[in-house]
PDB file of N, CA and C in Angstrom:
ATOM      1  N   MET A   1    -186.988 -86.509  43.004  1.00  0.00           N
ATOM      2  CA  MET A   1    -186.318 -86.270  44.236  1.00  0.00           C
ATOM      3  C   MET A   1    -186.520 -84.919  44.603  1.00  0.00           C
ATOM      4  N   ASP A   2    -186.810 -84.803  45.993  1.00  0.00           N
ATOM      5  CA  ASP A   2    -186.993 -83.618  46.638  1.00  0.00           C
ATOM      6  C   ASP A   2    -185.459 -83.064  46.861  1.00  0.00           C
ATOM      7  N   ILE A   3    -185.435 -81.530  47.036  1.00  0.00           N
ATOM      8  CA  ILE A   3    -184.246 -81.076  47.467  1.00  0.00           C
ATOM      9  C   ILE A   3    -183.865 -81.343  48.745  1.00  0.00           C
ATOM     10  N   PHE A   4    -184.796 -81.596  49.755  1.00  0.00           N
ATOM     11  CA  PHE A   4    -184.551 -81.984  50.994  1.00  0.00           C
ATOM     12  C   PHE A   4    -184.774 -83.438  51.479  1.00  0.00           C
ATOM     13  N   THR A   5    -184.836 -84.286  50.426  1.00  0.00           N
ATOM     14  CA  THR A   5    -184.974 -85.719  50.745  1.00  0.00           C
ATOM     15  C   THR A   5    -183.673 -86.421  50.328  1.00  0.00           C
ATOM     16  N   PHE A   6    -183.132 -87.091  51.225  1.00  0.00           N
ATOM     17  CA  PHE A   6    -181.792 -87.772  50.941  1.00  0.00           C
ATOM     18  C   PHE A   6    -182.237 -89.077  50.054  1.00  0.00           C
ATOM     19  N   PRO A   7    -181.427 -89.320  49.201  1.00  0.00           N
ATOM     20  CA  PRO A   7    -181.696 -90.582  48.312  1.00  0.00           C
ATOM     21  C   PRO A   7    -181.366 -91.818  49.055  1.00  0.00           C
ATOM     22  N   ASP A   8    -182.099 -92.854  49.001  1.00  0.00           N
ATOM     23  CA  ASP A   8    -181.831 -94.234  49.601  1.00  0.00           C
ATOM     24  C   ASP A   8    -180.606 -94.920  48.988  1.00  0.00           C
ATOM     25  N   LYS A   9    -179.656 -95.259  49.826  1.00  0.00           N
ATOM     26  CA  LYS A   9    -178.598 -95.750  49.543  1.00  0.00           C
ATOM     27  C   LYS A   9    -178.784 -97.240  48.910  1.00  0.00           C
ATOM     28  N   ALA A  10    -179.792 -97.891  49.307  1.00  0.00           N
ATOM     29  CA  ALA A  10    -180.130 -99.224  48.978  1.00  0.00           C
ATOM     30  C   ALA A  10    -180.558 -99.148  47.427  1.00  0.00           C
ATOM     31  N   ALA A  11    -181.045 -98.075  46.782  1.00  0.00           N
ATOM     32  CA  ALA A  11    -181.651 -98.027  45.644  1.00  0.00           C
ATOM     33  C   ALA A  11    -180.446 -97.850  44.555  1.00  0.00           C
ATOM     34  N   GLY A  12    -179.306 -97.430  44.923  1.00  0.00           N
ATOM     35  CA  GLY A  12    -178.093 -97.355  44.100  1.00  0.00           C
ATOM     36  C   GLY A  12    -178.375 -96.227  43.041  1.00  0.00           C
ATOM     37  N   GLY A  13    -177.249 -95.879  42.460  1.00  0.00           N
ATOM     38  CA  GLY A  13    -177.212 -94.978  41.396  1.00  0.00           C
ATOM     39  C   GLY A  13    -177.460 -93.454  41.900  1.00  0.00           C
ATOM     40  N   PHE A  14    -177.446 -93.201  43.170  1.00  0.00           N
ATOM     41  CA  PHE A  14    -177.643 -91.812  43.648  1.00  0.00           C
ATOM     42  C   PHE A  14    -176.359 -91.282  44.245  1.00  0.00           C
ATOM     43  N   GLY A  15    -175.164 -91.757  43.956  1.00  0.00           N
ATOM     44  CA  GLY A  15    -173.923 -91.252  44.416  1.00  0.00           C
ATOM     45  C   GLY A  15    -173.775 -89.865  44.030  1.00  0.00           C
ATOM     46  N   TYR A  16    -174.142 -89.599  42.833  1.00  0.00           N
ATOM     47  CA  TYR A  16    -174.127 -88.188  42.256  1.00  0.00           C
ATOM     48  C   TYR A  16    -174.808 -87.080  43.312  1.00  0.00           C
ATOM     49  N   ALA A  17    -175.912 -87.633  43.814  1.00  0.00           N
ATOM     50  CA  ALA A  17    -176.745 -86.704  44.517  1.00  0.00           C
ATOM     51  C   ALA A  17    -175.935 -86.208  45.765  1.00  0.00           C
ATOM     52  N   TYR A  18    -175.287 -87.084  46.406  1.00  0.00           N
ATOM     53  CA  TYR A  18    -174.421 -86.736  47.464  1.00  0.00           C
ATOM     54  C   TYR A  18    -173.175 -85.925  47.217  1.00  0.00           C
ATOM     55  N   LEU A  19    -172.681 -86.158  46.043  1.00  0.00           N
ATOM     56  CA  LEU A  19    -171.645 -85.252  45.655  1.00  0.00           C
ATOM     57  C   LEU A  19    -172.053 -84.028  45.332  1.00  0.00           C
ATOM     58  N   ALA A  20    -173.229 -83.812  44.696  1.00  0.00           N
ATOM     59  CA  ALA A  20    -173.837 -82.617  44.394  1.00  0.00           C
ATOM     60  C   ALA A  20    -174.119 -81.884  45.557  1.00  0.00           C
ATOM     61  N   MET A  21    -174.595 -82.465  46.734  1.00  0.00           N
ATOM     62  CA  MET A  21    -174.948 -81.848  47.907  1.00  0.00           C
ATOM     63  C   MET A  21    -173.632 -81.184  48.640  1.00  0.00           C
ATOM     64  N   ALA A  22    -172.733 -82.251  48.564  1.00  0.00           N
ATOM     65  CA  ALA A  22    -171.280 -81.752  49.191  1.00  0.00           C
ATOM     66  C   ALA A  22    -170.856 -80.579  48.495  1.00  0.00           C
ATOM     67  N   VAL A  23    -170.866 -80.686  47.021  1.00  0.00           N
ATOM     68  CA  VAL A  23    -170.320 -79.387  46.429  1.00  0.00           C
ATOM     69  C   VAL A  23    -171.185 -78.203  46.604  1.00  0.00           C
ATOM     70  N   LEU A  24    -172.390 -78.416  46.696  1.00  0.00           N
ATOM     71  CA  LEU A  24    -173.430 -77.277  46.976  1.00  0.00           C
ATOM     72  C   LEU A  24    -173.013 -76.542  48.368  1.00  0.00           C
ATOM     73  N   PHE A  25    -172.938 -77.417  49.565  1.00  0.00           N
ATOM     74  CA  PHE A  25    -172.516 -76.819  50.746  1.00  0.00           C
ATOM     75  C   PHE A  25    -171.167 -76.151  50.776  1.00  0.00           C
ATOM     76  N   ILE A  26    -170.202 -76.630  49.987  1.00  0.00           N
ATOM     77  CA  ILE A  26    -168.737 -76.051  49.969  1.00  0.00           C
ATOM     78  C   ILE A  26    -168.816 -74.711  49.270  1.00  0.00           C
ATOM     79  N   VAL A  27    -169.693 -74.612  48.068  1.00  0.00           N
ATOM     80  CA  VAL A  27    -169.804 -73.417  47.452  1.00  0.00           C
ATOM     81  C   VAL A  27    -170.590 -72.291  48.243  1.00  0.00           C
ATOM     82  N   ALA A  28    -171.499 -72.888  49.031  1.00  0.00           N
ATOM     83  CA  ALA A  28    -172.331 -71.909  49.884  1.00  0.00           C
ATOM     84  C   ALA A  28    -171.334 -71.379  50.937  1.00  0.00           C
ATOM     85  N   LYS A  29    -170.434 -72.173  51.473  1.00  0.00           N
ATOM     86  CA  LYS A  29    -169.444 -71.759  52.501  1.00  0.00           C
ATOM     87  C   LYS A  29    -168.557 -70.644  52.038  1.00  0.00           C
ATOM     88  N   ILE A  30    -168.044 -71.133  50.801  1.00  0.00           N
ATOM     89  CA  ILE A  30    -167.056 -70.054  50.256  1.00  0.00           C
ATOM     90  C   ILE A  30    -167.714 -68.778  49.994  1.00  0.00           C
ATOM     91  N   THR A  31    -168.855 -68.832  49.386  1.00  0.00           N
ATOM     92  CA  THR A  31    -169.873 -67.612  49.158  1.00  0.00           C
ATOM     93  C   THR A  31    -169.949 -66.727  50.322  1.00  0.00           C
ATOM     94  N   LEU A  32    -170.374 -67.316  51.440  1.00  0.00           N
ATOM     95  CA  LEU A  32    -170.630 -66.748  52.477  1.00  0.00           C
ATOM     96  C   LEU A  32    -169.387 -65.999  53.315  1.00  0.00           C
ATOM     97  N   SER A  33    -168.356 -66.739  53.130  1.00  0.00           N
ATOM     98  CA  SER A  33    -166.996 -66.245  53.643  1.00  0.00           C
ATOM     99  C   SER A  33    -166.564 -64.942  52.924  1.00  0.00           C
ATOM    100  N   LYS A  34    -166.688 -65.129  51.637  1.00  0.00           N
ATOM    101  CA  LYS A  34    -166.384 -63.806  50.770  1.00  0.00           C
ATOM    102  C   LYS A  34    -167.336 -62.751  50.978  1.00  0.00           C
ATOM    103  N   LEU A  35    -168.513 -62.941  51.266  1.00  0.00           N
ATOM    104  CA  LEU A  35    -169.500 -61.888  51.319  1.00  0.00           C
ATOM    105  C   LEU A  35    -169.238 -61.211  52.647  1.00  0.00           C
ATOM    106  N   LYS A  36    -168.882 -62.062  53.747  1.00  0.00           N
ATOM    107  CA  LYS A  36    -168.447 -61.517  55.093  1.00  0.00           C
ATOM    108  C   LYS A  36    -167.188 -60.632  54.930  1.00  0.00           C
ATOM    109  N   LYS A  37    -166.309 -61.143  54.217  1.00  0.00           N
ATOM    110  CA  LYS A  37    -165.013 -60.328  54.102  1.00  0.00           C
ATOM    111  C   LYS A  37    -165.292 -59.121  53.411  1.00  0.00           C
ATOM    112  N   ALA A  38    -165.886 -59.270  52.292  1.00  0.00           N
ATOM    113  CA  ALA A  38    -166.348 -57.960  51.597  1.00  0.00           C
ATOM    114  C   ALA A  38    -167.100 -56.862  52.297  1.00  0.00           C
ATOM    115  N   ASP A  39    -168.010 -57.431  53.176  1.00  0.00           N
ATOM    116  CA  ASP A  39    -168.825 -56.623  54.078  1.00  0.00           C
ATOM    117  C   ASP A  39    -167.913 -55.805  54.982  1.00  0.00           C
ATOM    118  N   LYS A  40    -166.894 -56.658  55.677  1.00  0.00           N
ATOM    119  CA  LYS A  40    -166.039 -55.915  56.487  1.00  0.00           C
ATOM    120  C   LYS A  40    -165.167 -54.960  55.881  1.00  0.00           C
ATOM    121  N   LYS A  41    -164.743 -55.327  54.796  1.00  0.00           N
ATOM    122  CA  LYS A  41    -163.635 -54.321  53.990  1.00  0.00           C
ATOM    123  C   LYS A  41    -164.562 -53.058  53.710  1.00  0.00           C
ATOM    124  N   ALA A  42    -165.783 -53.171  53.214  1.00  0.00           N
ATOM    125  CA  ALA A  42    -166.535 -52.012  52.861  1.00  0.00           C
ATOM    126  C   ALA A  42    -166.707 -51.169  54.156  1.00  0.00           C
ATOM    127  N   LYS A  43    -167.083 -51.655  55.348  1.00  0.00           N
ATOM    128  CA  LYS A  43    -167.192 -51.000  56.602  1.00  0.00           C
ATOM    129  C   LYS A  43    -165.891 -50.162  56.937  1.00  0.00           C
ATOM    130  N   GLU A  44    -164.670 -50.894  56.799  1.00  0.00           N
ATOM    131  CA  GLU A  44    -163.544 -50.219  57.172  1.00  0.00           C
ATOM    132  C   GLU A  44    -163.337 -49.170  56.133  1.00  0.00           C
ATOM    133  N   GLU A  45    -163.569 -49.239  54.870  1.00  0.00           N
ATOM    134  CA  GLU A  45    -163.447 -48.228  53.973  1.00  0.00           C
ATOM    135  C   GLU A  45    -164.187 -47.053  54.155  1.00  0.00           C
ATOM    136  N   VAL A  46    -165.474 -47.126  54.733  1.00  0.00           N
ATOM    137  CA  VAL A  46    -166.453 -45.999  55.066  1.00  0.00           C
ATOM    138  C   VAL A  46    -165.898 -45.367  56.305  1.00  0.00           C
ATOM    139  N   ALA A  47    -165.443 -46.204  57.087  1.00  0.00           N
ATOM    140  CA  ALA A  47    -164.882 -45.591  58.428  1.00  0.00           C
ATOM    141  C   ALA A  47    -163.575 -44.771  58.107  1.00  0.00           C
ATOM    142  N   ARG A  48    -162.782 -45.161  57.160  1.00  0.00           N
ATOM    143  CA  ARG A  48    -161.591 -44.432  56.796  1.00  0.00           C
ATOM    144  C   ARG A  48    -161.941 -43.100  55.990  1.00  0.00           C
ATOM    145  N   ILE A  49    -162.969 -43.085  55.336  1.00  0.00           N
ATOM    146  CA  ILE A  49    -163.295 -41.986  54.565  1.00  0.00           C
ATOM    147  C   ILE A  49    -163.996 -40.932  55.582  1.00  0.00           C
ATOM    148  N   GLU A  50    -164.763 -41.510  56.508  1.00  0.00           N
ATOM    149  CA  GLU A  50    -165.407 -40.540  57.274  1.00  0.00           C
ATOM    150  C   GLU A  50    -164.265 -39.804  58.304  1.00  0.00           C
ATOM    151  N   MET A  51    -163.306 -40.687  58.635  1.00  0.00           N
ATOM    152  CA  MET A  51    -162.116 -39.982  59.392  1.00  0.00           C
ATOM    153  C   MET A  51    -161.473 -39.014  58.464  1.00  0.00           C
ATOM    154  N   GLU A  52    -161.320 -39.038  57.312  1.00  0.00           N
ATOM    155  CA  GLU A  52    -160.610 -38.210  56.536  1.00  0.00           C
ATOM    156  C   GLU A  52    -161.366 -36.951  56.312  1.00  0.00           C
ATOM    157  N   MET A  53    -162.816 -37.282  56.266  1.00  0.00           N
ATOM    158  CA  MET A  53    -163.537 -36.041  56.040  1.00  0.00           C
ATOM    159  C   MET A  53    -163.637 -35.221  57.375  1.00  0.00           C
ATOM    160  N   LYS A  54    -163.681 -35.726  58.568  1.00  0.00           N
ATOM    161  CA  LYS A  54    -163.514 -35.097  59.729  1.00  0.00           C
ATOM    162  C   LYS A  54    -162.389 -34.301  59.913  1.00  0.00           C
ATOM    163  N   HIS A  55    -161.255 -34.913  59.482  1.00  0.00           N
ATOM    164  CA  HIS A  55    -159.867 -34.375  59.558  1.00  0.00           C
ATOM    165  C   HIS A  55    -159.841 -33.123  58.660  1.00  0.00           C
ATOM    166  N   GLU A  56    -160.402 -33.225  57.519  1.00  0.00           N
ATOM    167  CA  GLU A  56    -160.320 -32.020  56.529  1.00  0.00           C
ATOM    168  C   GLU A  56    -161.338 -30.993  56.959  1.00  0.00           C
ATOM    169  N   ASN A  57    -162.378 -31.316  57.703  1.00  0.00           N
ATOM    170  CA  ASN A  57    -163.098 -30.140  58.244  1.00  0.00           C
ATOM    171  C   ASN A  57    -162.575 -29.452  59.418  1.00  0.00           C
ATOM    172  N   LEU A  58    -161.771 -30.257  60.224  1.00  0.00           N
ATOM    173  CA  LEU A  58    -161.020 -29.631  61.308  1.00  0.00           C
ATOM    174  C   LEU A  58    -159.893 -28.692  60.798  1.00  0.00           C
ATOM    175  N   ASN A  59    -159.353 -29.049  59.710  1.00  0.00           N
ATOM    176  CA  ASN A  59    -158.226 -28.206  59.030  1.00  0.00           C
ATOM    177  C   ASN A  59    -158.814 -26.910  58.491  1.00  0.00           C
ATOM    178  N   GLN A  60    -159.953 -27.118  57.949  1.00  0.00           N
ATOM    179  CA  GLN A  60    -160.595 -25.809  57.305  1.00  0.00           C
ATOM    180  C   GLN A  60    -161.058 -24.809  58.403  1.00  0.00           C
ATOM    181  N   ASN A  61    -161.361 -25.233  59.602  1.00  0.00           N
ATOM    182  CA  ASN A  61    -161.821 -24.299  60.568  1.00  0.00           C
ATOM    183  C   ASN A  61    -160.787 -23.676  61.230  1.00  0.00           C
TER     184      ASN A  61
END
């Protein structure tokens, strides 16, 4: 069975394939949402550090 070929319902015994595909899509969705959240958090952290560095540089001058 190909990864992109859906099993034939008439053949029977392929219910596990549909469940596996559904689980795969759910895991992919969760993974992508976690990666997007982590990326956003990292960008906010970088911005915060840059602001602190600018503030320190202004205080030193």
